[in-house]
Amino acid sequence: MQMLEDKAKSEVEFVTFSAGEQSFSIEITQVREIRRWSPVTALPHAPHEVLGVMNLRGSVIPIYDLAARF
């Protein structure tokens, strides 16, 4: 039983995604939410990697194009 508990403690889960030709991983404990795509509000004079902002439950969230950034 102890061996199973030790194995469970040592396992780490990741969310993986692609941006352009590159693949990335983030530890799942660092992910708050995964959502479907929603339209964003464009920001004038924003850097090319900033697609705009969206309203998420009353908070303004910046949306980046990671493929353009890296």
N, C-alpha and C. Protein backbone atom coordinates (compact mmCIF):
# COMPACT_ATOMS: atom_id res chain seq x y z
N MET A 1 0.82 -1.19 0.00
CA MET A 1 0.00 0.00 0.00
C MET A 1 0.87 1.26 0.00
N GLN A 2 1.94 1.26 0.78
CA GLN A 2 2.83 2.42 0.85
C GLN A 2 3.44 2.72 -0.52
N MET A 3 3.78 1.66 -1.27
CA MET A 3 4.38 1.85 -2.58
C MET A 3 3.43 2.59 -3.52
N LEU A 4 2.14 2.26 -3.49
CA LEU A 4 1.15 2.94 -4.32
C LEU A 4 1.00 4.40 -3.92
N GLU A 5 1.02 4.67 -2.63
CA GLU A 5 0.92 6.05 -2.15
C GLU A 5 2.13 6.86 -2.58
N ASP A 6 3.32 6.29 -2.49
CA ASP A 6 4.54 6.98 -2.91
C ASP A 6 4.51 7.28 -4.41
N LYS A 7 4.03 6.31 -5.20
CA LYS A 7 3.95 6.51 -6.65
C LYS A 7 2.97 7.64 -6.97
N ALA A 8 1.83 7.67 -6.32
CA ALA A 8 0.84 8.72 -6.56
C ALA A 8 1.39 10.09 -6.21
N LYS A 9 2.18 10.19 -5.16
CA LYS A 9 2.75 11.48 -4.76
C LYS A 9 3.80 11.96 -5.75
N SER A 10 4.47 11.04 -6.44
CA SER A 10 5.55 11.44 -7.34
C SER A 10 5.06 11.73 -8.77
N GLU A 11 3.82 11.41 -9.09
CA GLU A 11 3.30 11.65 -10.43
C GLU A 11 2.87 13.11 -10.58
N VAL A 12 3.19 13.67 -11.72
CA VAL A 12 2.82 15.06 -12.02
C VAL A 12 2.08 15.04 -13.35
N GLU A 13 0.97 15.77 -13.42
CA GLU A 13 0.19 15.85 -14.65
C GLU A 13 0.43 17.19 -15.33
N PHE A 14 0.40 17.17 -16.66
CA PHE A 14 0.64 18.37 -17.45
C PHE A 14 -0.47 18.59 -18.46
N VAL A 15 -0.71 19.84 -18.79
CA VAL A 15 -1.54 20.22 -19.92
C VAL A 15 -0.57 20.58 -21.03
N THR A 16 -0.75 20.00 -22.21
CA THR A 16 0.14 20.31 -23.33
C THR A 16 -0.65 21.00 -24.43
N PHE A 17 0.04 21.88 -25.14
CA PHE A 17 -0.59 22.60 -26.25
C PHE A 17 0.48 23.01 -27.24
N SER A 18 0.06 23.36 -28.43
CA SER A 18 0.98 23.80 -29.48
C SER A 18 0.73 25.26 -29.80
N ALA A 19 1.80 25.96 -30.13
CA ALA A 19 1.73 27.33 -30.62
C ALA A 19 2.69 27.40 -31.79
N GLY A 20 2.14 27.52 -32.98
CA GLY A 20 2.99 27.46 -34.17
C GLY A 20 3.57 26.07 -34.30
N GLU A 21 4.87 25.99 -34.46
CA GLU A 21 5.56 24.70 -34.61
C GLU A 21 6.05 24.13 -33.29
N GLN A 22 5.86 24.85 -32.19
CA GLN A 22 6.40 24.42 -30.90
C GLN A 22 5.31 23.83 -30.01
N SER A 23 5.72 22.89 -29.17
CA SER A 23 4.84 22.30 -28.16
C SER A 23 5.26 22.79 -26.79
N PHE A 24 4.28 23.00 -25.92
CA PHE A 24 4.53 23.49 -24.57
C PHE A 24 3.76 22.63 -23.58
N SER A 25 4.21 22.62 -22.34
CA SER A 25 3.52 21.93 -21.25
C SER A 25 3.49 22.82 -20.03
N ILE A 26 2.38 22.76 -19.31
CA ILE A 26 2.23 23.48 -18.05
C ILE A 26 1.72 22.48 -17.03
N GLU A 27 2.31 22.52 -15.84
CA GLU A 27 1.83 21.63 -14.79
C GLU A 27 0.36 21.94 -14.52
N ILE A 28 -0.46 20.91 -14.46
CA ILE A 28 -1.90 21.08 -14.38
C ILE A 28 -2.33 21.87 -13.14
N THR A 29 -1.54 21.84 -12.09
CA THR A 29 -1.89 22.60 -10.89
C THR A 29 -1.78 24.10 -11.12
N GLN A 30 -1.11 24.52 -12.21
CA GLN A 30 -0.98 25.94 -12.53
C GLN A 30 -2.08 26.43 -13.47
N VAL A 31 -2.95 25.54 -13.93
CA VAL A 31 -4.04 25.89 -14.85
C VAL A 31 -5.31 26.11 -14.05
N ARG A 32 -5.88 27.29 -14.21
CA ARG A 32 -7.11 27.61 -13.49
C ARG A 32 -8.34 27.18 -14.28
N GLU A 33 -8.29 27.35 -15.61
CA GLU A 33 -9.47 27.10 -16.42
C GLU A 33 -9.07 26.95 -17.88
N ILE A 34 -9.77 26.08 -18.59
CA ILE A 34 -9.63 25.96 -20.04
C ILE A 34 -10.99 26.27 -20.63
N ARG A 35 -11.03 27.24 -21.54
CA ARG A 35 -12.30 27.70 -22.10
C ARG A 35 -12.29 27.57 -23.62
N ARG A 36 -13.49 27.55 -24.16
CA ARG A 36 -13.63 27.65 -25.61
C ARG A 36 -13.25 29.06 -26.04
N TRP A 37 -12.92 29.22 -27.30
CA TRP A 37 -12.55 30.52 -27.82
C TRP A 37 -13.75 31.46 -27.76
N SER A 38 -13.54 32.67 -27.30
CA SER A 38 -14.54 33.74 -27.27
C SER A 38 -13.98 34.93 -28.03
N PRO A 39 -14.83 35.71 -28.67
CA PRO A 39 -14.33 36.91 -29.35
C PRO A 39 -13.64 37.85 -28.35
N VAL A 40 -12.62 38.54 -28.82
CA VAL A 40 -11.88 39.47 -27.96
C VAL A 40 -12.07 40.89 -28.49
N THR A 41 -11.84 41.85 -27.62
CA THR A 41 -11.87 43.26 -28.00
C THR A 41 -10.45 43.69 -28.34
N ALA A 42 -10.27 44.13 -29.58
CA ALA A 42 -8.93 44.55 -30.02
C ALA A 42 -8.50 45.82 -29.29
N LEU A 43 -7.20 45.95 -29.08
CA LEU A 43 -6.64 47.14 -28.45
C LEU A 43 -5.83 47.92 -29.49
N PRO A 44 -6.17 49.18 -29.72
CA PRO A 44 -5.39 49.96 -30.68
C PRO A 44 -3.94 50.13 -30.20
N HIS A 45 -3.02 50.06 -31.12
CA HIS A 45 -1.58 50.28 -30.86
C HIS A 45 -0.96 49.21 -29.95
N ALA A 46 -1.62 48.08 -29.80
CA ALA A 46 -1.06 46.99 -28.98
C ALA A 46 0.02 46.27 -29.78
N PRO A 47 0.98 45.65 -29.10
CA PRO A 47 1.99 44.85 -29.81
C PRO A 47 1.32 43.75 -30.63
N HIS A 48 1.99 43.29 -31.68
CA HIS A 48 1.38 42.32 -32.60
C HIS A 48 0.98 41.01 -31.92
N GLU A 49 1.63 40.64 -30.83
CA GLU A 49 1.27 39.38 -30.17
C GLU A 49 0.06 39.51 -29.25
N VAL A 50 -0.42 40.72 -29.00
CA VAL A 50 -1.61 40.92 -28.16
C VAL A 50 -2.83 40.94 -29.08
N LEU A 51 -3.67 39.92 -28.95
CA LEU A 51 -4.87 39.84 -29.78
C LEU A 51 -5.95 40.79 -29.29
N GLY A 52 -5.94 41.07 -28.00
CA GLY A 52 -6.94 41.95 -27.41
C GLY A 52 -7.19 41.56 -25.97
N VAL A 53 -8.38 41.91 -25.49
CA VAL A 53 -8.77 41.58 -24.12
C VAL A 53 -10.17 40.97 -24.13
N MET A 54 -10.47 40.23 -23.08
CA MET A 54 -11.82 39.69 -22.92
C MET A 54 -12.26 39.87 -21.48
N ASN A 55 -13.56 39.86 -21.28
CA ASN A 55 -14.14 39.98 -19.95
C ASN A 55 -14.40 38.57 -19.43
N LEU A 56 -13.78 38.21 -18.35
CA LEU A 56 -13.98 36.90 -17.73
C LEU A 56 -14.53 37.12 -16.33
N ARG A 57 -15.83 36.97 -16.20
CA ARG A 57 -16.52 37.16 -14.92
C ARG A 57 -16.14 38.49 -14.25
N GLY A 58 -16.12 39.56 -15.03
CA GLY A 58 -15.85 40.89 -14.49
C GLY A 58 -14.40 41.30 -14.47
N SER A 59 -13.49 40.42 -14.83
CA SER A 59 -12.06 40.76 -14.89
C SER A 59 -11.63 40.89 -16.35
N VAL A 60 -10.84 41.90 -16.64
CA VAL A 60 -10.31 42.09 -17.99
C VAL A 60 -9.03 41.25 -18.12
N ILE A 61 -9.04 40.34 -19.09
CA ILE A 61 -7.94 39.39 -19.27
C ILE A 61 -7.28 39.66 -20.62
N PRO A 62 -5.96 39.87 -20.66
CA PRO A 62 -5.28 40.03 -21.95
C PRO A 62 -5.15 38.68 -22.66
N ILE A 63 -5.30 38.70 -23.98
CA ILE A 63 -5.21 37.49 -24.78
C ILE A 63 -4.01 37.63 -25.72
N TYR A 64 -3.07 36.70 -25.62
CA TYR A 64 -1.84 36.73 -26.40
C TYR A 64 -1.85 35.64 -27.46
N ASP A 65 -1.23 35.91 -28.58
CA ASP A 65 -0.96 34.91 -29.61
C ASP A 65 0.45 34.40 -29.34
N LEU A 66 0.56 33.26 -28.68
CA LEU A 66 1.88 32.74 -28.29
C LEU A 66 2.75 32.43 -29.50
N ALA A 67 2.13 32.01 -30.61
CA ALA A 67 2.92 31.71 -31.81
C ALA A 67 3.59 32.98 -32.34
N ALA A 68 2.93 34.12 -32.21
CA ALA A 68 3.52 35.38 -32.66
C ALA A 68 4.57 35.88 -31.68
N ARG A 69 4.41 35.55 -30.42
CA ARG A 69 5.33 36.04 -29.39
C ARG A 69 6.65 35.28 -29.41
N PHE A 70 6.61 33.97 -29.63
CA PHE A 70 7.82 33.15 -29.58
C PHE A 70 8.17 32.73 -30.98
